[in-house]
Amino acid sequence: MAEAITIAAERRDRAGKGAARATRRAGRVPAVVYGDKQSPLLVSLDDMSVAAMMRDPTYSTRTYALDIDGGKHTVLARDVQLDPVTDTPIHIDFLRIGSDTMLTIDVPCDFINGERSPGLRRGGVLNIVRHEIEMACRADAIPETIVIDLAGVDIGDSIHISQITLPEGVRPTITDRDFTIATIAAPSAVRSEAMDSQASEEPEA
């Protein structure tokens, strides 16, 4: 798990749409911090800090340390509301977490060693069934990604969750089946040749 990134936050005195609009006009993004059996906090963040956070593709699985009046609150960004026109963040819900907090979280898959896959080298196509996998883990053990090694994977092969080495304390929420994460499909040219060959072998009616 990556070290928490510190972001400065300021308390907000008022809730409501009018107060939120005033916060955004001041170049800040309104947010709320809740959870860990503590009272919710209304805060705001500098829009540049939020923009930097959103540029990180793993922001939803990364922990942040919100610095509020000199006190640090370890949080996860659980819900980011975007403006429907500009697609910029307009409100963030942060979940306050402790080291023993258990979470269910979608962790992105990171496919590596594609150049060492004989199937891909022969023109096969990586068919990703799951770009993310829902995992259960402690808040202090959230993996940034689930690494999927493609070395040795050939055309027609499937990669299942049972083949993946997960970090200690991390488990998939789906436990009743060995679900597929990705497959290597034959390239269209190979499929077309196979179909033509099959058709030529079939007896005429």
N, C-alpha and C. Protein backbone atom coordinates (compact mmCIF):
# COMPACT_ATOMS: atom_id res chain seq x y z
N MET A 1 0.84 -1.20 0.00
CA MET A 1 0.00 0.00 0.00
C MET A 1 0.87 1.24 0.00
N ALA A 2 0.55 2.21 -0.84
CA ALA A 2 1.33 3.44 -0.93
C ALA A 2 1.10 4.33 0.30
N GLU A 3 2.09 5.15 0.61
CA GLU A 3 1.98 6.06 1.75
C GLU A 3 0.90 7.11 1.46
N ALA A 4 0.16 7.48 2.51
CA ALA A 4 -0.92 8.45 2.35
C ALA A 4 -0.37 9.80 1.92
N ILE A 5 -1.04 10.44 0.98
CA ILE A 5 -0.68 11.77 0.50
C ILE A 5 -1.41 12.81 1.33
N THR A 6 -0.68 13.79 1.83
CA THR A 6 -1.28 14.84 2.67
C THR A 6 -1.89 15.93 1.81
N ILE A 7 -3.13 16.29 2.11
CA ILE A 7 -3.82 17.38 1.42
C ILE A 7 -4.38 18.32 2.48
N ALA A 8 -4.12 19.60 2.33
CA ALA A 8 -4.65 20.59 3.27
C ALA A 8 -6.14 20.80 3.02
N ALA A 9 -6.90 20.87 4.10
CA ALA A 9 -8.34 21.11 4.01
C ALA A 9 -8.74 22.16 5.05
N GLU A 10 -9.80 22.88 4.75
CA GLU A 10 -10.32 23.89 5.67
C GLU A 10 -11.74 23.53 6.08
N ARG A 11 -12.07 23.84 7.33
CA ARG A 11 -13.42 23.58 7.80
C ARG A 11 -14.41 24.53 7.11
N ARG A 12 -15.62 24.02 6.89
CA ARG A 12 -16.72 24.85 6.40
C ARG A 12 -17.73 25.01 7.52
N ASP A 13 -18.29 26.21 7.61
CA ASP A 13 -19.25 26.49 8.69
C ASP A 13 -20.67 26.08 8.33
N ARG A 14 -21.00 26.14 7.04
CA ARG A 14 -22.39 25.94 6.66
C ARG A 14 -22.51 24.86 5.59
N ALA A 15 -23.66 24.15 5.65
CA ALA A 15 -24.00 23.18 4.62
C ALA A 15 -25.04 23.80 3.70
N GLY A 16 -25.44 23.05 2.69
CA GLY A 16 -26.48 23.54 1.78
C GLY A 16 -25.92 23.94 0.43
N LYS A 17 -26.84 24.04 -0.55
CA LYS A 17 -26.43 24.34 -1.92
C LYS A 17 -25.83 25.73 -2.06
N GLY A 18 -26.42 26.70 -1.35
CA GLY A 18 -25.89 28.07 -1.45
C GLY A 18 -24.48 28.16 -0.92
N ALA A 19 -24.22 27.54 0.22
CA ALA A 19 -22.88 27.57 0.81
C ALA A 19 -21.89 26.82 -0.09
N ALA A 20 -22.35 25.72 -0.70
CA ALA A 20 -21.47 24.96 -1.58
C ALA A 20 -21.10 25.77 -2.83
N ARG A 21 -22.09 26.49 -3.37
CA ARG A 21 -21.80 27.33 -4.55
C ARG A 21 -20.80 28.43 -4.20
N ALA A 22 -20.95 29.02 -3.02
CA ALA A 22 -20.02 30.06 -2.59
C ALA A 22 -18.61 29.50 -2.44
N THR A 23 -18.51 28.28 -1.93
CA THR A 23 -17.21 27.62 -1.78
C THR A 23 -16.57 27.41 -3.14
N ARG A 24 -17.36 26.98 -4.12
CA ARG A 24 -16.80 26.74 -5.45
C ARG A 24 -16.41 28.05 -6.14
N ARG A 25 -17.17 29.11 -5.90
CA ARG A 25 -16.80 30.41 -6.48
C ARG A 25 -15.46 30.89 -5.93
N ALA A 26 -15.12 30.45 -4.72
CA ALA A 26 -13.85 30.85 -4.11
C ALA A 26 -12.69 29.96 -4.57
N GLY A 27 -12.95 29.08 -5.54
CA GLY A 27 -11.89 28.22 -6.07
C GLY A 27 -11.60 27.01 -5.21
N ARG A 28 -12.60 26.58 -4.46
CA ARG A 28 -12.42 25.42 -3.59
C ARG A 28 -13.54 24.40 -3.85
N VAL A 29 -13.27 23.16 -3.47
CA VAL A 29 -14.23 22.08 -3.68
C VAL A 29 -14.80 21.67 -2.32
N PRO A 30 -16.11 21.76 -2.14
CA PRO A 30 -16.70 21.33 -0.87
C PRO A 30 -16.60 19.82 -0.70
N ALA A 31 -16.48 19.38 0.55
CA ALA A 31 -16.36 17.95 0.84
C ALA A 31 -16.89 17.68 2.24
N VAL A 32 -17.13 16.40 2.51
CA VAL A 32 -17.53 15.98 3.85
C VAL A 32 -16.67 14.78 4.23
N VAL A 33 -16.28 14.73 5.50
CA VAL A 33 -15.51 13.62 6.05
C VAL A 33 -16.40 12.91 7.06
N TYR A 34 -16.59 11.59 6.89
CA TYR A 34 -17.47 10.86 7.78
C TYR A 34 -16.86 9.50 8.09
N GLY A 35 -17.44 8.80 9.05
CA GLY A 35 -17.02 7.45 9.36
C GLY A 35 -16.15 7.34 10.59
N ASP A 36 -15.73 6.08 10.88
CA ASP A 36 -14.88 5.74 12.02
C ASP A 36 -15.51 6.17 13.35
N LYS A 37 -16.86 6.12 13.41
CA LYS A 37 -17.62 6.42 14.63
C LYS A 37 -17.35 7.83 15.17
N GLN A 38 -17.08 8.76 14.26
CA GLN A 38 -16.87 10.15 14.64
C GLN A 38 -17.88 11.02 13.89
N SER A 39 -18.08 12.23 14.39
CA SER A 39 -19.03 13.15 13.78
C SER A 39 -18.52 13.59 12.41
N PRO A 40 -19.44 13.78 11.45
CA PRO A 40 -19.03 14.27 10.12
C PRO A 40 -18.42 15.67 10.21
N LEU A 41 -17.48 15.94 9.30
CA LEU A 41 -16.85 17.26 9.22
C LEU A 41 -17.11 17.84 7.84
N LEU A 42 -17.56 19.09 7.80
CA LEU A 42 -17.69 19.81 6.54
C LEU A 42 -16.38 20.52 6.26
N VAL A 43 -15.78 20.24 5.11
CA VAL A 43 -14.49 20.84 4.77
C VAL A 43 -14.50 21.28 3.32
N SER A 44 -13.43 21.95 2.92
CA SER A 44 -13.22 22.30 1.52
C SER A 44 -11.76 22.12 1.19
N LEU A 45 -11.50 21.83 -0.10
CA LEU A 45 -10.14 21.61 -0.58
C LEU A 45 -9.86 22.55 -1.74
N ASP A 46 -8.62 22.97 -1.86
CA ASP A 46 -8.20 23.77 -3.00
C ASP A 46 -8.43 22.99 -4.29
N ASP A 47 -9.02 23.67 -5.30
CA ASP A 47 -9.36 22.94 -6.53
C ASP A 47 -8.13 22.39 -7.25
N MET A 48 -6.96 23.02 -7.07
CA MET A 48 -5.74 22.50 -7.69
C MET A 48 -5.31 21.19 -7.03
N SER A 49 -5.49 21.10 -5.71
CA SER A 49 -5.17 19.86 -5.00
C SER A 49 -6.09 18.73 -5.45
N VAL A 50 -7.36 19.06 -5.64
CA VAL A 50 -8.32 18.06 -6.10
C VAL A 50 -7.99 17.62 -7.53
N ALA A 51 -7.61 18.57 -8.38
CA ALA A 51 -7.26 18.23 -9.76
C ALA A 51 -6.06 17.28 -9.79
N ALA A 52 -5.06 17.53 -8.92
CA ALA A 52 -3.90 16.64 -8.86
C ALA A 52 -4.31 15.26 -8.37
N MET A 53 -5.21 15.20 -7.40
CA MET A 53 -5.70 13.92 -6.89
C MET A 53 -6.39 13.14 -8.00
N MET A 54 -7.23 13.81 -8.79
CA MET A 54 -8.01 13.14 -9.81
C MET A 54 -7.16 12.67 -10.99
N ARG A 55 -5.98 13.24 -11.16
CA ARG A 55 -5.10 12.80 -12.26
C ARG A 55 -4.48 11.43 -11.97
N ASP A 56 -4.51 11.02 -10.72
CA ASP A 56 -3.97 9.72 -10.35
C ASP A 56 -5.02 8.66 -10.62
N PRO A 57 -4.77 7.73 -11.55
CA PRO A 57 -5.80 6.72 -11.87
C PRO A 57 -6.13 5.80 -10.71
N THR A 58 -5.29 5.77 -9.68
CA THR A 58 -5.56 4.92 -8.52
C THR A 58 -6.11 5.71 -7.34
N TYR A 59 -6.63 6.91 -7.60
CA TYR A 59 -7.04 7.76 -6.47
C TYR A 59 -8.13 7.11 -5.61
N SER A 60 -8.98 6.29 -6.22
CA SER A 60 -10.08 5.70 -5.46
C SER A 60 -9.62 4.61 -4.50
N THR A 61 -8.39 4.10 -4.68
CA THR A 61 -7.86 3.09 -3.76
C THR A 61 -6.69 3.61 -2.95
N ARG A 62 -6.41 4.88 -3.08
CA ARG A 62 -5.27 5.48 -2.36
C ARG A 62 -5.78 6.21 -1.11
N THR A 63 -5.02 6.11 -0.03
CA THR A 63 -5.40 6.83 1.19
C THR A 63 -4.78 8.23 1.17
N TYR A 64 -5.53 9.16 1.74
CA TYR A 64 -5.08 10.55 1.85
C TYR A 64 -5.13 10.97 3.31
N ALA A 65 -4.23 11.84 3.69
CA ALA A 65 -4.21 12.41 5.03
C ALA A 65 -4.69 13.86 4.92
N LEU A 66 -5.94 14.10 5.29
CA LEU A 66 -6.46 15.46 5.25
C LEU A 66 -5.96 16.21 6.48
N ASP A 67 -5.26 17.30 6.23
CA ASP A 67 -4.74 18.15 7.32
C ASP A 67 -5.79 19.21 7.61
N ILE A 68 -6.52 19.02 8.72
CA ILE A 68 -7.60 19.94 9.10
C ILE A 68 -7.24 20.56 10.44
N ASP A 69 -6.95 21.84 10.44
CA ASP A 69 -6.58 22.56 11.66
C ASP A 69 -5.42 21.88 12.38
N GLY A 70 -4.47 21.36 11.62
CA GLY A 70 -3.30 20.73 12.21
C GLY A 70 -3.49 19.29 12.60
N GLY A 71 -4.72 18.76 12.50
CA GLY A 71 -4.97 17.36 12.79
C GLY A 71 -5.09 16.56 11.50
N LYS A 72 -4.56 15.34 11.51
CA LYS A 72 -4.56 14.50 10.32
C LYS A 72 -5.71 13.48 10.40
N HIS A 73 -6.46 13.39 9.31
CA HIS A 73 -7.54 12.42 9.19
C HIS A 73 -7.23 11.54 7.98
N THR A 74 -7.03 10.25 8.21
CA THR A 74 -6.76 9.32 7.11
C THR A 74 -8.07 8.95 6.45
N VAL A 75 -8.16 9.16 5.14
CA VAL A 75 -9.44 9.01 4.44
C VAL A 75 -9.25 8.33 3.09
N LEU A 76 -10.39 7.86 2.55
CA LEU A 76 -10.50 7.40 1.18
C LEU A 76 -11.54 8.26 0.48
N ALA A 77 -11.33 8.56 -0.79
CA ALA A 77 -12.33 9.28 -1.58
C ALA A 77 -13.37 8.26 -2.05
N ARG A 78 -14.55 8.28 -1.42
CA ARG A 78 -15.56 7.26 -1.71
C ARG A 78 -16.55 7.69 -2.77
N ASP A 79 -16.79 8.97 -2.91
CA ASP A 79 -17.73 9.43 -3.93
C ASP A 79 -17.32 10.81 -4.39
N VAL A 80 -17.08 10.95 -5.69
CA VAL A 80 -16.71 12.24 -6.29
C VAL A 80 -17.81 12.64 -7.26
N GLN A 81 -18.50 13.73 -6.96
CA GLN A 81 -19.55 14.22 -7.85
C GLN A 81 -18.93 15.17 -8.87
N LEU A 82 -19.28 14.98 -10.14
CA LEU A 82 -18.72 15.79 -11.22
C LEU A 82 -19.78 16.68 -11.83
N ASP A 83 -19.36 17.85 -12.28
CA ASP A 83 -20.25 18.75 -13.00
C ASP A 83 -20.64 18.09 -14.33
N PRO A 84 -21.93 18.02 -14.65
CA PRO A 84 -22.35 17.33 -15.87
C PRO A 84 -21.88 18.01 -17.15
N VAL A 85 -21.51 19.28 -17.08
CA VAL A 85 -21.07 20.00 -18.28
C VAL A 85 -19.54 20.03 -18.39
N THR A 86 -18.89 20.44 -17.30
CA THR A 86 -17.43 20.62 -17.35
C THR A 86 -16.67 19.38 -16.91
N ASP A 87 -17.36 18.42 -16.28
CA ASP A 87 -16.74 17.19 -15.80
C ASP A 87 -15.69 17.45 -14.73
N THR A 88 -15.80 18.58 -14.03
CA THR A 88 -14.89 18.88 -12.93
C THR A 88 -15.53 18.51 -11.60
N PRO A 89 -14.74 18.15 -10.58
CA PRO A 89 -15.30 17.76 -9.29
C PRO A 89 -16.03 18.93 -8.62
N ILE A 90 -17.21 18.65 -8.10
CA ILE A 90 -17.98 19.69 -7.40
C ILE A 90 -18.28 19.30 -5.96
N HIS A 91 -18.05 18.05 -5.59
CA HIS A 91 -18.22 17.64 -4.19
C HIS A 91 -17.56 16.27 -4.01
N ILE A 92 -16.97 16.07 -2.83
CA ILE A 92 -16.30 14.81 -2.53
C ILE A 92 -16.75 14.30 -1.17
N ASP A 93 -17.06 13.01 -1.11
CA ASP A 93 -17.31 12.33 0.17
C ASP A 93 -16.05 11.55 0.53
N PHE A 94 -15.48 11.87 1.69
CA PHE A 94 -14.31 11.14 2.18
C PHE A 94 -14.72 10.23 3.33
N LEU A 95 -14.28 8.98 3.29
CA LEU A 95 -14.51 8.04 4.37
C LEU A 95 -13.30 8.04 5.30
N ARG A 96 -13.53 8.41 6.55
CA ARG A 96 -12.48 8.39 7.55
C ARG A 96 -12.23 6.94 7.97
N ILE A 97 -10.97 6.53 8.01
CA ILE A 97 -10.65 5.13 8.28
C ILE A 97 -9.61 5.02 9.39
N GLY A 98 -9.68 3.89 10.09
CA GLY A 98 -8.65 3.52 11.05
C GLY A 98 -7.91 2.31 10.52
N SER A 99 -6.84 1.91 11.21
CA SER A 99 -6.01 0.80 10.71
C SER A 99 -6.77 -0.51 10.67
N ASP A 100 -7.80 -0.67 11.52
CA ASP A 100 -8.55 -1.92 11.57
C ASP A 100 -9.84 -1.87 10.77
N THR A 101 -10.09 -0.77 10.09
CA THR A 101 -11.32 -0.64 9.31
C THR A 101 -11.31 -1.63 8.15
N MET A 102 -12.37 -2.42 8.02
CA MET A 102 -12.51 -3.36 6.91
C MET A 102 -13.29 -2.69 5.79
N LEU A 103 -12.79 -2.85 4.57
CA LEU A 103 -13.38 -2.17 3.42
C LEU A 103 -13.70 -3.16 2.30
N THR A 104 -14.68 -2.82 1.52
CA THR A 104 -14.94 -3.47 0.24
C THR A 104 -14.67 -2.42 -0.84
N ILE A 105 -13.71 -2.72 -1.71
CA ILE A 105 -13.24 -1.69 -2.62
C ILE A 105 -12.89 -2.30 -3.98
N ASP A 106 -13.16 -1.55 -5.05
CA ASP A 106 -12.81 -1.99 -6.41
C ASP A 106 -11.35 -1.63 -6.69
N VAL A 107 -10.54 -2.64 -6.96
CA VAL A 107 -9.12 -2.44 -7.21
C VAL A 107 -8.85 -2.67 -8.70
N PRO A 108 -8.22 -1.71 -9.39
CA PRO A 108 -7.97 -1.88 -10.84
C PRO A 108 -6.94 -2.96 -11.12
N CYS A 109 -7.09 -3.62 -12.26
CA CYS A 109 -6.15 -4.65 -12.71
C CYS A 109 -5.03 -4.00 -13.52
N ASP A 110 -3.81 -4.47 -13.30
CA ASP A 110 -2.64 -3.98 -14.03
C ASP A 110 -2.04 -5.17 -14.79
N PHE A 111 -2.17 -5.17 -16.11
CA PHE A 111 -1.69 -6.29 -16.93
C PHE A 111 -0.25 -6.01 -17.35
N ILE A 112 0.64 -6.94 -17.00
CA ILE A 112 2.07 -6.74 -17.28
C ILE A 112 2.61 -7.89 -18.14
N ASN A 113 3.81 -7.68 -18.68
CA ASN A 113 4.54 -8.70 -19.46
C ASN A 113 3.78 -9.16 -20.70
N GLY A 114 3.08 -8.23 -21.33
CA GLY A 114 2.41 -8.57 -22.58
C GLY A 114 3.38 -9.02 -23.65
N GLU A 115 4.60 -8.47 -23.63
CA GLU A 115 5.60 -8.84 -24.63
C GLU A 115 6.10 -10.27 -24.43
N ARG A 116 5.80 -10.87 -23.28
CA ARG A 116 6.24 -12.24 -23.00
C ARG A 116 5.09 -13.23 -23.15
N SER A 117 3.98 -12.77 -23.71
CA SER A 117 2.85 -13.66 -23.96
C SER A 117 2.96 -14.20 -25.38
N PRO A 118 3.12 -15.53 -25.56
CA PRO A 118 3.19 -16.07 -26.93
C PRO A 118 1.91 -15.82 -27.71
N GLY A 119 0.78 -15.80 -27.03
CA GLY A 119 -0.48 -15.53 -27.72
C GLY A 119 -0.55 -14.13 -28.29
N LEU A 120 -0.11 -13.15 -27.52
CA LEU A 120 -0.11 -11.77 -28.01
C LEU A 120 0.94 -11.57 -29.08
N ARG A 121 2.09 -12.24 -28.95
CA ARG A 121 3.14 -12.12 -29.97
C ARG A 121 2.66 -12.69 -31.30
N ARG A 122 1.77 -13.66 -31.27
CA ARG A 122 1.26 -14.26 -32.51
C ARG A 122 0.02 -13.53 -33.04
N GLY A 123 -0.26 -12.38 -32.46
CA GLY A 123 -1.37 -11.57 -32.95
C GLY A 123 -2.67 -11.74 -32.20
N GLY A 124 -2.64 -12.50 -31.10
CA GLY A 124 -3.84 -12.67 -30.29
C GLY A 124 -4.29 -11.36 -29.67
N VAL A 125 -5.52 -11.35 -29.22
CA VAL A 125 -6.12 -10.14 -28.66
C VAL A 125 -6.42 -10.37 -27.18
N LEU A 126 -5.98 -9.43 -26.33
CA LEU A 126 -6.28 -9.50 -24.91
C LEU A 126 -7.71 -9.05 -24.69
N ASN A 127 -8.54 -9.96 -24.24
CA ASN A 127 -9.94 -9.66 -23.95
C ASN A 127 -10.09 -9.53 -22.43
N ILE A 128 -10.21 -8.29 -21.96
CA ILE A 128 -10.28 -8.04 -20.52
C ILE A 128 -11.73 -8.16 -20.07
N VAL A 129 -11.99 -9.16 -19.23
CA VAL A 129 -13.33 -9.37 -18.71
C VAL A 129 -13.59 -8.46 -17.50
N ARG A 130 -12.58 -8.28 -16.68
CA ARG A 130 -12.71 -7.44 -15.49
C ARG A 130 -11.55 -6.44 -15.44
N HIS A 131 -11.88 -5.18 -15.60
CA HIS A 131 -10.88 -4.12 -15.45
C HIS A 131 -10.61 -3.84 -13.98
N GLU A 132 -11.57 -4.13 -13.13
CA GLU A 132 -11.45 -3.96 -11.69
C GLU A 132 -11.98 -5.23 -11.00
N ILE A 133 -11.47 -5.48 -9.80
CA ILE A 133 -11.94 -6.62 -9.01
C ILE A 133 -12.34 -6.11 -7.64
N GLU A 134 -13.52 -6.47 -7.21
CA GLU A 134 -13.97 -6.05 -5.88
C GLU A 134 -13.26 -6.90 -4.82
N MET A 135 -12.58 -6.21 -3.91
CA MET A 135 -11.79 -6.87 -2.89
C MET A 135 -12.24 -6.45 -1.49
N ALA A 136 -12.04 -7.36 -0.54
CA ALA A 136 -12.25 -7.06 0.87
C ALA A 136 -10.88 -7.05 1.55
N CYS A 137 -10.60 -5.99 2.30
CA CYS A 137 -9.30 -5.89 2.95
C CYS A 137 -9.35 -4.84 4.06
N ARG A 138 -8.31 -4.83 4.87
CA ARG A 138 -8.19 -3.78 5.89
C ARG A 138 -7.78 -2.47 5.22
N ALA A 139 -8.11 -1.39 5.89
CA ALA A 139 -7.82 -0.07 5.32
C ALA A 139 -6.32 0.16 5.16
N ASP A 140 -5.51 -0.49 6.01
CA ASP A 140 -4.06 -0.27 5.91
C ASP A 140 -3.39 -1.27 4.97
N ALA A 141 -4.18 -2.04 4.23
CA ALA A 141 -3.61 -3.04 3.32
C ALA A 141 -4.23 -2.97 1.94
N ILE A 142 -4.74 -1.80 1.54
CA ILE A 142 -5.38 -1.66 0.23
C ILE A 142 -4.32 -1.71 -0.87
N PRO A 143 -4.40 -2.68 -1.79
CA PRO A 143 -3.45 -2.69 -2.90
C PRO A 143 -3.82 -1.62 -3.93
N GLU A 144 -2.81 -0.97 -4.49
CA GLU A 144 -3.08 0.03 -5.53
C GLU A 144 -3.64 -0.63 -6.78
N THR A 145 -3.11 -1.80 -7.11
CA THR A 145 -3.57 -2.54 -8.29
C THR A 145 -3.48 -4.04 -8.00
N ILE A 146 -4.18 -4.82 -8.80
CA ILE A 146 -4.00 -6.27 -8.82
C ILE A 146 -3.20 -6.60 -10.07
N VAL A 147 -2.01 -7.16 -9.89
CA VAL A 147 -1.09 -7.40 -11.00
C VAL A 147 -1.44 -8.72 -11.69
N ILE A 148 -1.68 -8.63 -12.99
CA ILE A 148 -1.99 -9.80 -13.82
C ILE A 148 -0.82 -10.03 -14.77
N ASP A 149 -0.09 -11.12 -14.56
CA ASP A 149 1.10 -11.42 -15.36
C ASP A 149 0.69 -12.22 -16.60
N LEU A 150 0.98 -11.66 -17.79
CA LEU A 150 0.61 -12.30 -19.05
C LEU A 150 1.72 -13.20 -19.62
N ALA A 151 2.84 -13.30 -18.92
CA ALA A 151 3.94 -14.12 -19.42
C ALA A 151 3.49 -15.57 -19.58
N GLY A 152 3.73 -16.15 -20.76
CA GLY A 152 3.40 -17.54 -21.02
C GLY A 152 1.97 -17.80 -21.42
N VAL A 153 1.13 -16.78 -21.45
CA VAL A 153 -0.29 -16.97 -21.77
C VAL A 153 -0.45 -17.04 -23.29
N ASP A 154 -1.12 -18.08 -23.77
CA ASP A 154 -1.23 -18.32 -25.21
C ASP A 154 -2.67 -18.10 -25.68
N ILE A 155 -2.85 -18.15 -26.99
CA ILE A 155 -4.18 -18.02 -27.59
C ILE A 155 -5.09 -19.12 -27.06
N GLY A 156 -6.27 -18.73 -26.64
CA GLY A 156 -7.23 -19.68 -26.09
C GLY A 156 -7.16 -19.83 -24.59
N ASP A 157 -6.10 -19.28 -23.96
CA ASP A 157 -5.97 -19.38 -22.51
C ASP A 157 -6.86 -18.36 -21.81
N SER A 158 -7.30 -18.73 -20.60
CA SER A 158 -8.05 -17.83 -19.74
C SER A 158 -7.28 -17.63 -18.44
N ILE A 159 -7.39 -16.44 -17.88
CA ILE A 159 -6.76 -16.14 -16.60
C ILE A 159 -7.85 -16.03 -15.55
N HIS A 160 -7.78 -16.87 -14.53
CA HIS A 160 -8.79 -16.90 -13.48
C HIS A 160 -8.22 -16.32 -12.18
N ILE A 161 -9.09 -15.96 -11.28
CA ILE A 161 -8.67 -15.33 -10.03
C ILE A 161 -7.80 -16.28 -9.21
N SER A 162 -8.01 -17.60 -9.34
CA SER A 162 -7.21 -18.56 -8.57
C SER A 162 -5.74 -18.55 -8.99
N GLN A 163 -5.44 -18.01 -10.17
CA GLN A 163 -4.07 -17.97 -10.67
C GLN A 163 -3.31 -16.73 -10.19
N ILE A 164 -4.00 -15.83 -9.52
CA ILE A 164 -3.40 -14.56 -9.13
C ILE A 164 -2.95 -14.61 -7.68
N THR A 165 -1.71 -14.18 -7.43
CA THR A 165 -1.20 -14.08 -6.07
C THR A 165 -1.62 -12.73 -5.48
N LEU A 166 -2.47 -12.78 -4.48
CA LEU A 166 -2.99 -11.55 -3.87
C LEU A 166 -2.16 -11.19 -2.65
N PRO A 167 -2.08 -9.89 -2.33
CA PRO A 167 -1.36 -9.49 -1.11
C PRO A 167 -2.00 -10.11 0.13
N GLU A 168 -1.21 -10.25 1.17
CA GLU A 168 -1.71 -10.83 2.41
C GLU A 168 -2.87 -9.99 2.97
N GLY A 169 -3.93 -10.64 3.38
CA GLY A 169 -5.06 -9.94 3.96
C GLY A 169 -6.05 -9.39 2.95
N VAL A 170 -5.82 -9.69 1.67
CA VAL A 170 -6.70 -9.20 0.60
C VAL A 170 -7.38 -10.40 -0.05
N ARG A 171 -8.70 -10.34 -0.19
CA ARG A 171 -9.42 -11.45 -0.82
C ARG A 171 -10.55 -10.90 -1.69
N PRO A 172 -10.89 -11.62 -2.75
CA PRO A 172 -12.02 -11.18 -3.59
C PRO A 172 -13.33 -11.39 -2.85
N THR A 173 -14.29 -10.53 -3.11
CA THR A 173 -15.60 -10.69 -2.47
C THR A 173 -16.40 -11.83 -3.09
N ILE A 174 -16.08 -12.18 -4.34
CA ILE A 174 -16.72 -13.33 -4.98
C ILE A 174 -15.92 -14.58 -4.61
N THR A 175 -16.51 -15.46 -3.84
CA THR A 175 -15.79 -16.64 -3.36
C THR A 175 -16.42 -17.95 -3.81
N ASP A 176 -17.57 -17.87 -4.49
CA ASP A 176 -18.26 -19.10 -4.85
C ASP A 176 -17.89 -19.64 -6.22
N ARG A 177 -17.00 -18.95 -6.94
CA ARG A 177 -16.58 -19.45 -8.26
C ARG A 177 -15.23 -18.85 -8.63
N ASP A 178 -14.52 -19.58 -9.49
CA ASP A 178 -13.20 -19.14 -9.96
C ASP A 178 -13.40 -18.29 -11.21
N PHE A 179 -13.72 -17.03 -11.01
CA PHE A 179 -14.13 -16.19 -12.13
C PHE A 179 -12.97 -15.80 -13.04
N THR A 180 -13.33 -15.50 -14.29
CA THR A 180 -12.36 -15.15 -15.32
C THR A 180 -12.04 -13.66 -15.28
N ILE A 181 -10.76 -13.35 -15.39
CA ILE A 181 -10.33 -11.95 -15.42
C ILE A 181 -10.05 -11.51 -16.86
N ALA A 182 -9.44 -12.39 -17.64
CA ALA A 182 -9.11 -12.04 -19.04
C ALA A 182 -8.87 -13.32 -19.83
N THR A 183 -8.93 -13.19 -21.14
CA THR A 183 -8.62 -14.29 -22.06
C THR A 183 -7.76 -13.74 -23.19
N ILE A 184 -7.08 -14.66 -23.87
CA ILE A 184 -6.36 -14.31 -25.09
C ILE A 184 -7.14 -14.92 -26.26
N ALA A 185 -7.77 -14.07 -27.04
CA ALA A 185 -8.59 -14.54 -28.17
C ALA A 185 -7.74 -14.60 -29.43
N ALA A 186 -8.14 -15.48 -30.32
CA ALA A 186 -7.44 -15.60 -31.61
C ALA A 186 -7.68 -14.35 -32.44
N PRO A 187 -6.69 -13.91 -33.22
CA PRO A 187 -6.91 -12.77 -34.10
C PRO A 187 -7.96 -13.11 -35.15
N SER A 188 -8.62 -12.09 -35.67
CA SER A 188 -9.71 -12.32 -36.62
C SER A 188 -9.26 -13.09 -37.84
N ALA A 189 -8.04 -12.88 -38.31
CA ALA A 189 -7.54 -13.58 -39.49
C ALA A 189 -7.46 -15.08 -39.22
N VAL A 190 -6.98 -15.46 -38.02
CA VAL A 190 -6.88 -16.87 -37.68
C VAL A 190 -8.26 -17.47 -37.55
N ARG A 191 -9.20 -16.76 -36.91
CA ARG A 191 -10.56 -17.26 -36.76
C ARG A 191 -11.21 -17.47 -38.12
N SER A 192 -10.96 -16.51 -39.06
CA SER A 192 -11.55 -16.62 -40.39
C SER A 192 -11.03 -17.84 -41.13
N GLU A 193 -9.71 -18.10 -41.02
CA GLU A 193 -9.12 -19.26 -41.68
C GLU A 193 -9.69 -20.55 -41.09
N ALA A 194 -9.86 -20.58 -39.78
CA ALA A 194 -10.40 -21.78 -39.13
C ALA A 194 -11.82 -22.04 -39.58
N MET A 195 -12.62 -20.98 -39.70
CA MET A 195 -14.01 -21.14 -40.14
C MET A 195 -14.07 -21.61 -41.59
N ASP A 196 -13.18 -21.06 -42.46
CA ASP A 196 -13.14 -21.47 -43.86
C ASP A 196 -12.75 -22.95 -43.97
N SER A 197 -11.76 -23.35 -43.13
CA SER A 197 -11.31 -24.74 -43.15
C SER A 197 -12.41 -25.68 -42.69
N GLN A 198 -13.15 -25.27 -41.65
CA GLN A 198 -14.24 -26.10 -41.15
C GLN A 198 -15.34 -26.23 -42.20
N ALA A 199 -15.62 -25.12 -42.88
CA ALA A 199 -16.68 -25.16 -43.90
C ALA A 199 -16.31 -26.06 -45.06
N SER A 200 -15.02 -26.09 -45.44
CA SER A 200 -14.59 -26.91 -46.58
C SER A 200 -14.63 -28.39 -46.26
N GLU A 201 -14.53 -28.71 -44.95
CA GLU A 201 -14.53 -30.11 -44.52
C GLU A 201 -15.93 -30.66 -44.34
N GLU A 202 -16.94 -29.79 -44.24
CA GLU A 202 -18.29 -30.25 -44.01
C GLU A 202 -18.85 -30.87 -45.30
N PRO A 203 -19.53 -32.02 -45.22
CA PRO A 203 -20.08 -32.65 -46.41
C PRO A 203 -21.22 -31.82 -46.99
N GLU A 204 -21.37 -31.88 -48.29
CA GLU A 204 -22.46 -31.14 -48.93
C GLU A 204 -23.79 -31.81 -48.61
N ALA A 205 -24.83 -31.00 -48.47
CA ALA A 205 -26.17 -31.53 -48.16
C ALA A 205 -26.72 -32.29 -49.36
